[in-house]
C-alpha cells in the first residue's frame, strides 16, 4: 500500500474531479477504512480506488447510497478479500447476504469473503456461522474482488499511471492484522449499538418503557 498522487487516485478509481464532488455531496462516495470524504489535500491509497470501483459494481444491485454504506461499513470484510486477492492465484469474492430474522422480521446484511462465486456454497458457509443463527437468507450479491483490483489497475493504465504494486500486505503477515484491528473494533462496536437499539425498540413496542401517568398535584 502506498499514498497516491491526486491524479493517480482519480485514475485508478475511474473518477473525474467533478464526479467525485457530486458523489461526495450526494452521500454516495465510499472509500476504504469507512471513509466518505475525499479532497485533494487528503491522502488516498490503491484500496480507496478499489472501494470506489466496488461501490460502482454494487450499485447495479443496490441503491447507490446503500451500496456506499455497505462498502464503508464492511471494509474489514472486503478489505481482507483484497489482501487475499493480491497474494493468491485464486479469485476472491465478497458476498453481501441479505437476511431476515425469523423472530421479528428484522432485516440485516451479513458479509463474508469466499473463493467461490456460487451462492449455494456461500450460503452454506454463512449458515454455519454463529452470527447467522436465527436469520433466514433471502438474497445475495457476490462481487469479484480480484476483478475489482484488476479494474483499478486497468483504469490507471488508461491514464498513464502504474498501480502494479500490491495493494495490501499478505493476509498471514502479522502487520496485516495490526492494520485491520481498529476497523474490526469499530465494526464490532457499531454492531453492538445496532443490537442494543433493536432490543430497546422491541421493549418499547412491548410497553416496557411506557410513560407512567402524571402524579396528581
Protein backbone atom coordinates (compact mmCIF):
# COMPACT_ATOMS: atom_id res chain seq x y z
CA UNK A 1 0.00 0.00 0.00
CA UNK A 2 1.24 3.47 -0.78
CA UNK A 3 -0.08 7.01 -0.82
CA UNK A 4 -1.19 8.10 -4.26
CA UNK A 5 -0.95 11.41 -6.02
CA UNK A 6 -4.33 13.01 -6.65
CA UNK A 7 -4.25 12.16 -10.34
CA UNK A 8 -3.34 8.54 -9.61
CA UNK A 9 -6.27 8.18 -7.23
CA UNK A 10 -8.79 9.68 -9.66
CA UNK A 11 -7.45 7.49 -12.46
CA UNK A 12 -7.49 4.23 -10.51
CA UNK A 13 -10.95 4.92 -9.14
CA UNK A 14 -12.29 5.79 -12.58
CA UNK A 15 -13.37 9.21 -11.33
CA UNK A 16 -13.24 12.76 -12.57
CA UNK A 17 -12.95 15.61 -10.07
CA UNK A 18 -16.47 16.73 -11.00
CA UNK A 19 -18.00 13.29 -10.46
CA UNK A 20 -16.16 12.89 -7.15
CA UNK A 21 -17.58 16.19 -5.91
CA UNK A 22 -21.08 15.12 -6.98
CA UNK A 23 -20.78 11.72 -5.27
CA UNK A 24 -19.50 13.32 -2.08
CA UNK A 25 -22.31 15.89 -1.97
CA UNK A 26 -24.97 13.20 -2.57
CA UNK A 27 -23.55 10.90 0.12
CA UNK A 28 -22.78 8.17 -2.40
CA UNK A 29 -18.98 8.22 -2.10
CA UNK A 30 -17.34 5.25 -0.40
CA UNK A 31 -13.65 4.91 0.31
CA UNK A 32 -11.62 2.37 2.25
CA UNK A 33 -11.42 2.34 6.05
CA UNK A 34 -15.00 3.55 6.39
CA UNK A 35 -14.38 6.97 4.88
CA UNK A 36 -16.87 9.06 2.92
CA UNK A 37 -14.64 12.11 2.48
CA UNK A 38 -12.25 12.81 -0.38
CA UNK A 39 -10.45 16.07 -1.07
CA UNK A 40 -7.23 16.77 -2.94
CA UNK A 41 -5.35 17.60 0.27
CA UNK A 42 -6.24 14.23 1.85
CA UNK A 43 -4.25 11.02 1.49
CA UNK A 44 -5.55 8.23 -0.75
CA UNK A 45 -4.37 4.69 -1.45
CA UNK A 46 -4.99 1.97 -4.01
CA UNK A 47 -7.55 0.45 -1.64
CA UNK A 48 -9.58 3.68 -1.83
CA UNK A 49 -9.67 3.17 -5.59
CA UNK A 50 -10.90 -0.39 -5.03
CA UNK A 51 -13.65 0.93 -2.74
CA UNK A 52 -14.96 3.27 -5.45
CA UNK A 53 -14.92 0.53 -8.09
CA UNK A 54 -16.61 -1.94 -5.72
CA UNK A 55 -19.30 0.61 -4.86
CA UNK A 56 -20.00 1.16 -8.56
CA UNK A 57 -20.43 -2.59 -9.01
CA UNK A 58 -22.74 -2.97 -6.02
CA UNK A 59 -24.82 -0.02 -7.25
CA UNK A 60 -26.00 -2.29 -10.07
CA UNK A 61 -27.92 -4.23 -7.40
CA UNK A 62 -28.42 -1.78 -4.54
CA UNK A 63 -29.50 1.85 -4.46
CA UNK A 64 -26.26 3.88 -4.66
CA UNK A 65 -26.40 5.27 -1.11
CA UNK A 66 -26.98 1.78 0.24
CA UNK A 67 -24.09 0.43 -1.83
CA UNK A 68 -21.82 3.14 -0.44
CA UNK A 69 -22.93 2.36 3.11
CA UNK A 70 -22.17 -1.33 2.61
CA UNK A 71 -18.68 -0.55 1.31
CA UNK A 72 -17.92 1.84 4.17
CA UNK A 73 -19.31 -0.33 6.97
CA UNK A 74 -18.00 -3.68 5.79
CA UNK A 75 -14.45 -2.61 4.98
CA UNK A 76 -12.92 -5.22 7.36
CA UNK A 77 -14.50 -7.98 5.27
CA UNK A 78 -13.90 -6.80 1.71
CA UNK A 79 -10.55 -5.29 2.67
CA UNK A 80 -9.33 -8.72 3.70
CA UNK A 81 -10.64 -10.03 0.38
CA UNK A 82 -8.35 -7.51 -1.32
CA UNK A 83 -5.40 -8.75 0.75
CA UNK A 84 -6.14 -12.34 -0.30
CA UNK A 85 -6.67 -11.34 -3.92
CA UNK A 86 -3.33 -9.56 -4.05
CA UNK A 87 -1.45 -12.63 -2.84
CA UNK A 88 -3.35 -15.53 -4.41
CA UNK A 89 -3.85 -17.04 -7.83
CA UNK A 90 -7.45 -17.90 -6.85
CA UNK A 91 -10.18 -15.32 -7.43
CA UNK A 92 -11.56 -13.81 -4.24
CA UNK A 93 -15.22 -12.84 -3.75
CA UNK A 94 -17.07 -10.53 -1.38
CA UNK A 95 -20.63 -11.64 -0.62
CA UNK A 96 -23.44 -9.50 0.77
CA UNK A 97 -26.05 -11.83 2.20
CA UNK A 98 -29.50 -10.35 2.75
CA UNK A 99 -31.23 -11.93 5.74
CA UNK A 100 -34.42 -11.71 7.77
CA UNK A 101 -34.54 -12.54 11.47
CA UNK A 102 -37.13 -15.24 11.97
CA UNK A 103 -38.25 -13.98 15.38
CA UNK A 104 -39.32 -10.46 14.38
CA UNK A 105 -38.73 -9.94 10.64
CA UNK A 106 -35.83 -7.51 11.14
CA UNK A 107 -33.52 -7.36 8.11
CA UNK A 108 -29.72 -7.39 8.14
CA UNK A 109 -26.79 -7.61 5.75
CA UNK A 110 -24.23 -10.26 6.61
CA UNK A 111 -20.99 -10.22 4.65
CA UNK A 112 -18.19 -12.68 4.07
CA UNK A 113 -15.27 -13.44 1.82
CA UNK A 114 -15.14 -16.57 -0.31
CA UNK A 115 -13.13 -18.28 -3.02
CA UNK A 116 -16.37 -19.40 -4.62
CA UNK A 117 -18.87 -17.26 -6.55
CA UNK A 118 -21.55 -19.91 -6.06
CA UNK A 119 -24.40 -18.55 -3.88
CA UNK A 120 -25.34 -22.03 -2.64
CA UNK A 121 -21.82 -22.68 -1.39
CA UNK A 122 -21.58 -19.24 0.21
CA UNK A 123 -24.99 -19.70 1.86
CA UNK A 124 -23.78 -22.96 3.36
CA UNK A 125 -20.73 -21.21 4.81
CA UNK A 126 -22.85 -18.39 6.24
CA UNK A 127 -25.46 -20.69 7.81
CA UNK A 128 -22.71 -22.44 9.73
CA UNK A 129 -21.55 -19.21 11.37
CA UNK A 130 -22.91 -18.24 14.83
CA UNK A 131 -23.74 -14.69 13.68
CA UNK A 132 -26.31 -16.10 11.24
CA UNK A 133 -28.21 -18.04 13.92
CA UNK A 134 -31.88 -17.11 13.87
CA UNK A 135 -31.69 -15.49 10.43
CA UNK A 136 -33.10 -16.70 7.11
CA UNK A 137 -31.23 -15.93 3.89
CA UNK A 138 -33.43 -14.15 1.35
CA UNK A 139 -30.93 -12.83 -1.17
CA UNK A 140 -27.27 -12.50 -2.06
CA UNK A 141 -24.95 -10.33 -4.14
CA UNK A 142 -21.43 -11.51 -4.94
CA UNK A 143 -18.62 -9.23 -6.15
CA UNK A 144 -15.37 -10.46 -7.64
CA UNK A 145 -12.70 -8.60 -5.65
CA UNK A 146 -9.91 -9.94 -7.83
CA UNK A 147 -11.74 -8.34 -10.74
CA UNK A 148 -12.10 -5.09 -8.79
CA UNK A 149 -8.32 -4.89 -8.29
CA UNK A 150 -7.77 -5.64 -11.97
CA UNK A 151 -10.20 -2.87 -12.92
CA UNK A 152 -8.35 -0.35 -10.73
CA UNK A 153 -5.07 -1.16 -12.48
CA UNK A 154 -6.68 -1.05 -15.93
CA UNK A 155 -8.24 2.34 -15.14
CA UNK A 156 -4.84 3.67 -14.09
CA UNK A 157 -3.07 2.38 -17.19
CA UNK A 158 -5.58 4.21 -19.41
CA UNK A 159 -4.45 7.47 -17.80
CA UNK A 160 -0.75 6.62 -17.92
CA UNK A 161 -0.29 5.52 -14.31
CA UNK A 162 1.21 2.32 -12.91
CA UNK A 163 -0.55 0.76 -9.90
CA UNK A 164 1.07 -2.64 -10.30
CA UNK A 165 2.36 -2.80 -6.72
CA UNK A 166 0.33 -4.97 -4.38
CA UNK A 167 -2.39 -3.03 -2.63
CA UNK A 168 -2.10 -4.70 0.79
CA UNK A 169 0.21 -6.92 2.81
CA UNK A 170 -0.26 -10.72 2.72
CA UNK A 171 -3.12 -11.87 4.98
CA UNK A 172 -0.75 -14.02 7.05
CA UNK A 173 1.62 -11.11 7.74
CA UNK A 174 1.14 -10.02 11.40
CA UNK A 175 1.17 -6.41 10.23
CA UNK A 176 -1.96 -7.14 8.19
CA UNK A 177 -4.00 -7.98 11.29
CA UNK A 178 -2.49 -4.97 13.04
CA UNK A 179 -3.77 -2.84 10.17
CA UNK A 180 -7.31 -4.27 10.29
CA UNK A 181 -7.65 -4.42 14.10
CA UNK A 182 -9.00 -0.87 14.67
CA UNK A 183 -11.57 -1.32 11.89
CA UNK A 184 -12.68 -4.67 13.36
CA UNK A 185 -13.15 -2.94 16.71
CA UNK A 186 -15.15 -0.10 15.16
CA UNK A 187 -17.36 -2.57 13.27
CA UNK A 188 -17.99 -4.65 16.40
CA UNK A 189 -18.84 -1.53 18.40
CA UNK A 190 -21.30 -0.37 15.73
CA UNK A 191 -22.88 -3.83 15.59
CA UNK A 192 -23.35 -3.82 19.37
CA UNK A 193 -25.01 -0.41 19.20
CA UNK A 194 -27.40 -1.60 16.49
CA UNK A 195 -28.24 -4.71 18.51
CA UNK A 196 -28.84 -2.61 21.62
CA UNK A 197 -31.14 -0.26 19.72
CA UNK A 198 -33.17 -3.17 18.38
CA UNK A 199 -33.54 -4.61 21.88
CA UNK A 200 -34.79 -1.25 23.12
CA UNK A 201 -37.18 -0.91 20.17
CA UNK A 202 -38.67 -4.34 20.96
CA UNK A 203 -39.00 -3.36 24.61
CA UNK A 204 -40.73 -0.10 23.68
CA UNK A 205 -43.11 -1.99 21.40
CA UNK A 206 -43.99 -4.34 24.26
CA UNK A 207 -44.80 -1.41 26.53
CA UNK A 208 -41.85 -1.94 28.86
CA UNK A 209 -40.96 1.74 28.76
CA UNK A 210 -44.46 3.20 28.71
CA UNK A 211 -44.59 6.53 30.50
CA UNK A 212 -46.26 6.49 33.88
CA UNK A 213 -49.31 8.76 34.32
CA UNK A 214 -48.51 12.09 35.84
CA UNK A 215 -48.99 12.17 39.59
CA UNK A 216 -51.87 14.45 40.53
CA UNK A 217 -50.74 17.51 42.44
